Amino acid sequence: MSQTVKEKAKDGCKPENYELCGHFINAFQIIGKKWNGLIISSLCDAQDMRFKDLAHCINACSDRVLVERLKELEGEGIVKRSVSETGIISYGLTKKGNDLKPVFDQVHNWADKWV
């Protein structure tokens, strides 16, 4: 049995019970929601981005949906919204969001190899 499976088994997440792994399911509900992965990935590549720059990166997503997703990610503590003294709004990753950078790097590597 691999170390990962042993660790999961200790937490009550045995292969036959993966549907019971709430943390894993919740993570994929956040990351897997349409546009969230692209938003997080775009913010991984930049320190902070203005809305128009994010919208340009994810041009297939409507502004309304992008605003909705940013609010959701902000509510999850992954994205932070900042307003400068001049009133310019920008978005960036929180510490929690920055912890996703290696995950998204691996997803990019996998996609380059297999997709």
C-alpha atoms as a PDB file:
ATOM      1  CA  MET A   1       0.000   0.000   0.000  1.00  0.00           C
ATOM      2  CA  SER A   2       1.477   3.379  -0.941  1.00  0.00           C
ATOM      3  CA  GLN A   3       2.161   6.036   1.669  1.00  0.00           C
ATOM      4  CA  THR A   4      -0.579   8.269   0.250  1.00  0.00           C
ATOM      5  CA  VAL A   5      -3.219   5.548   0.506  1.00  0.00           C
ATOM      6  CA  LYS A   6      -2.074   4.728   4.051  1.00  0.00           C
ATOM      7  CA  GLU A   7      -2.344   8.385   5.054  1.00  0.00           C
ATOM      8  CA  LYS A   8      -5.799   8.655   3.515  1.00  0.00           C
ATOM      9  CA  ALA A   9      -6.877   5.456   5.236  1.00  0.00           C
ATOM     10  CA  LYS A  10      -5.860   6.933   8.609  1.00  0.00           C
ATOM     11  CA  ASP A  11      -8.127   9.910   7.913  1.00  0.00           C
ATOM     12  CA  GLY A  12     -11.053   7.639   7.069  1.00  0.00           C
ATOM     13  CA  CYS A  13     -10.626   8.192   3.317  1.00  0.00           C
ATOM     14  CA  LYS A  14     -10.203   4.649   2.058  1.00  0.00           C
ATOM     15  CA  PRO A  15     -10.328   4.091  -1.719  1.00  0.00           C
ATOM     16  CA  GLU A  16     -13.760   2.497  -1.461  1.00  0.00           C
ATOM     17  CA  ASN A  17     -15.055   5.525   0.487  1.00  0.00           C
ATOM     18  CA  TYR A  18     -13.602   8.449  -1.467  1.00  0.00           C
ATOM     19  CA  GLU A  19     -17.064   9.956  -1.825  1.00  0.00           C
ATOM     20  CA  LEU A  20     -16.906  10.519   1.936  1.00  0.00           C
ATOM     21  CA  CYS A  21     -13.714  12.639   1.737  1.00  0.00           C
ATOM     22  CA  GLY A  22     -15.293  16.032   2.346  1.00  0.00           C
ATOM     23  CA  HIS A  23     -12.112  18.094   2.017  1.00  0.00           C
ATOM     24  CA  PHE A  24     -11.268  16.582  -1.361  1.00  0.00           C
ATOM     25  CA  ILE A  25     -14.808  17.033  -2.633  1.00  0.00           C
ATOM     26  CA  ASN A  26     -14.965  20.630  -1.393  1.00  0.00           C
ATOM     27  CA  ALA A  27     -11.617  21.456  -3.009  1.00  0.00           C
ATOM     28  CA  PHE A  28     -12.813  20.206  -6.384  1.00  0.00           C
ATOM     29  CA  GLN A  29     -16.131  22.008  -6.032  1.00  0.00           C
ATOM     30  CA  ILE A  30     -14.152  25.246  -5.729  1.00  0.00           C
ATOM     31  CA  ILE A  31     -11.342  24.615  -8.216  1.00  0.00           C
ATOM     32  CA  GLY A  32     -13.470  22.666 -10.669  1.00  0.00           C
ATOM     33  CA  LYS A  33     -16.217  25.251 -11.028  1.00  0.00           C
ATOM     34  CA  LYS A  34     -16.261  26.699 -14.519  1.00  0.00           C
ATOM     35  CA  TRP A  35     -13.781  29.587 -14.909  1.00  0.00           C
ATOM     36  CA  ASN A  36     -12.353  29.295 -11.371  1.00  0.00           C
ATOM     37  CA  GLY A  37      -9.302  27.357 -12.534  1.00  0.00           C
ATOM     38  CA  LEU A  38      -8.520  29.928 -15.223  1.00  0.00           C
ATOM     39  CA  ILE A  39      -9.018  32.804 -12.782  1.00  0.00           C
ATOM     40  CA  ILE A  40      -6.690  31.243 -10.221  1.00  0.00           C
ATOM     41  CA  SER A  41      -4.163  30.290 -12.889  1.00  0.00           C
ATOM     42  CA  SER A  42      -4.159  33.840 -14.289  1.00  0.00           C
ATOM     43  CA  LEU A  43      -3.624  35.284 -10.822  1.00  0.00           C
ATOM     44  CA  CYS A  44      -0.798  32.784 -10.185  1.00  0.00           C
ATOM     45  CA  ASP A  45       1.101  34.390 -13.064  1.00  0.00           C
ATOM     46  CA  ALA A  46       0.677  37.978 -11.844  1.00  0.00           C
ATOM     47  CA  GLN A  47       0.966  39.730  -8.512  1.00  0.00           C
ATOM     48  CA  ASP A  48      -2.293  41.676  -8.859  1.00  0.00           C
ATOM     49  CA  MET A  49      -4.583  42.164 -11.825  1.00  0.00           C
ATOM     50  CA  ARG A  50      -7.237  44.696 -12.637  1.00  0.00           C
ATOM     51  CA  PHE A  51     -10.641  43.377 -13.642  1.00  0.00           C
ATOM     52  CA  LYS A  52     -10.154  44.392 -17.284  1.00  0.00           C
ATOM     53  CA  ASP A  53      -6.874  42.464 -17.438  1.00  0.00           C
ATOM     54  CA  LEU A  54      -8.485  39.362 -15.962  1.00  0.00           C
ATOM     55  CA  ALA A  55     -11.403  39.713 -18.367  1.00  0.00           C
ATOM     56  CA  HIS A  56      -8.915  39.940 -21.244  1.00  0.00           C
ATOM     57  CA  CYS A  57      -7.185  36.719 -20.093  1.00  0.00           C
ATOM     58  CA  ILE A  58     -10.500  34.887 -19.809  1.00  0.00           C
ATOM     59  CA  ASN A  59     -12.340  36.485 -22.709  1.00  0.00           C
ATOM     60  CA  ALA A  60     -14.849  33.637 -23.158  1.00  0.00           C
ATOM     61  CA  CYS A  61     -16.259  34.360 -19.689  1.00  0.00           C
ATOM     62  CA  SER A  62     -18.845  37.123 -19.464  1.00  0.00           C
ATOM     63  CA  ASP A  63     -18.141  40.059 -17.148  1.00  0.00           C
ATOM     64  CA  ARG A  64     -21.174  39.140 -15.048  1.00  0.00           C
ATOM     65  CA  VAL A  65     -19.952  35.586 -14.486  1.00  0.00           C
ATOM     66  CA  LEU A  66     -16.381  36.769 -13.856  1.00  0.00           C
ATOM     67  CA  VAL A  67     -17.617  39.139 -11.141  1.00  0.00           C
ATOM     68  CA  GLU A  68     -19.664  36.311  -9.621  1.00  0.00           C
ATOM     69  CA  ARG A  69     -16.711  33.906  -9.621  1.00  0.00           C
ATOM     70  CA  LEU A  70     -14.342  36.505  -8.155  1.00  0.00           C
ATOM     71  CA  LYS A  71     -16.801  37.137  -5.322  1.00  0.00           C
ATOM     72  CA  GLU A  72     -17.080  33.401  -4.674  1.00  0.00           C
ATOM     73  CA  LEU A  73     -13.294  32.967  -4.648  1.00  0.00           C
ATOM     74  CA  GLU A  74     -13.001  35.980  -2.363  1.00  0.00           C
ATOM     75  CA  GLY A  75     -15.558  34.387  -0.052  1.00  0.00           C
ATOM     76  CA  GLU A  76     -13.482  31.195  -0.017  1.00  0.00           C
ATOM     77  CA  GLY A  77     -10.425  33.213   0.998  1.00  0.00           C
ATOM     78  CA  ILE A  78      -8.534  32.395  -2.217  1.00  0.00           C
ATOM     79  CA  VAL A  79      -8.755  35.810  -3.922  1.00  0.00           C
ATOM     80  CA  LYS A  80      -8.367  39.232  -2.351  1.00  0.00           C
ATOM     81  CA  ARG A  81      -9.876  42.408  -3.733  1.00  0.00           C
ATOM     82  CA  SER A  82      -7.888  45.613  -3.200  1.00  0.00           C
ATOM     83  CA  VAL A  83      -8.861  49.222  -3.821  1.00  0.00           C
ATOM     84  CA  SER A  84      -6.022  51.703  -4.273  1.00  0.00           C
ATOM     85  CA  GLU A  85      -6.101  55.310  -3.068  1.00  0.00           C
ATOM     86  CA  THR A  86      -7.066  56.329  -6.590  1.00  0.00           C
ATOM     87  CA  GLY A  87     -10.011  53.914  -6.571  1.00  0.00           C
ATOM     88  CA  ILE A  88      -8.458  51.306  -8.865  1.00  0.00           C
ATOM     89  CA  ILE A  89      -9.695  47.820  -8.001  1.00  0.00           C
ATOM     90  CA  SER A  90      -7.348  44.901  -8.384  1.00  0.00           C
ATOM     91  CA  TYR A  91      -7.436  41.223  -7.557  1.00  0.00           C
ATOM     92  CA  GLY A  92      -4.703  38.950  -6.278  1.00  0.00           C
ATOM     93  CA  LEU A  93      -4.237  35.690  -4.463  1.00  0.00           C
ATOM     94  CA  THR A  94      -4.318  35.400  -0.693  1.00  0.00           C
ATOM     95  CA  LYS A  95      -1.873  33.144   1.157  1.00  0.00           C
ATOM     96  CA  LYS A  96      -4.436  30.365   0.756  1.00  0.00           C
ATOM     97  CA  GLY A  97      -4.593  31.104  -2.974  1.00  0.00           C
ATOM     98  CA  ASN A  98      -0.810  31.254  -3.300  1.00  0.00           C
ATOM     99  CA  ASP A  99      -0.634  27.756  -1.832  1.00  0.00           C
ATOM    100  CA  LEU A 100      -2.386  26.592  -5.019  1.00  0.00           C
ATOM    101  CA  LYS A 101       0.504  27.737  -7.265  1.00  0.00           C
ATOM    102  CA  PRO A 102       2.392  24.415  -7.164  1.00  0.00           C
ATOM    103  CA  VAL A 103      -0.862  22.569  -7.836  1.00  0.00           C
ATOM    104  CA  PHE A 104      -1.564  24.683 -10.912  1.00  0.00           C
ATOM    105  CA  ASP A 105       2.057  24.356 -12.061  1.00  0.00           C
ATOM    106  CA  GLN A 106       1.618  20.583 -11.979  1.00  0.00           C
ATOM    107  CA  VAL A 107      -1.699  20.808 -13.835  1.00  0.00           C
ATOM    108  CA  HIS A 108       0.005  22.916 -16.533  1.00  0.00           C
ATOM    109  CA  ASN A 109       2.846  20.366 -16.775  1.00  0.00           C
ATOM    110  CA  TRP A 110       0.375  17.502 -17.044  1.00  0.00           C
ATOM    111  CA  ALA A 111      -1.668  19.356 -19.688  1.00  0.00           C
ATOM    112  CA  ASP A 112       1.459  20.126 -21.738  1.00  0.00           C
ATOM    113  CA  LYS A 113       2.368  16.454 -21.703  1.00  0.00           C
ATOM    114  CA  TRP A 114      -1.002  14.795 -22.174  1.00  0.00           C
ATOM    115  CA  VAL A 115      -3.617  17.170 -23.580  1.00  0.00           C
END
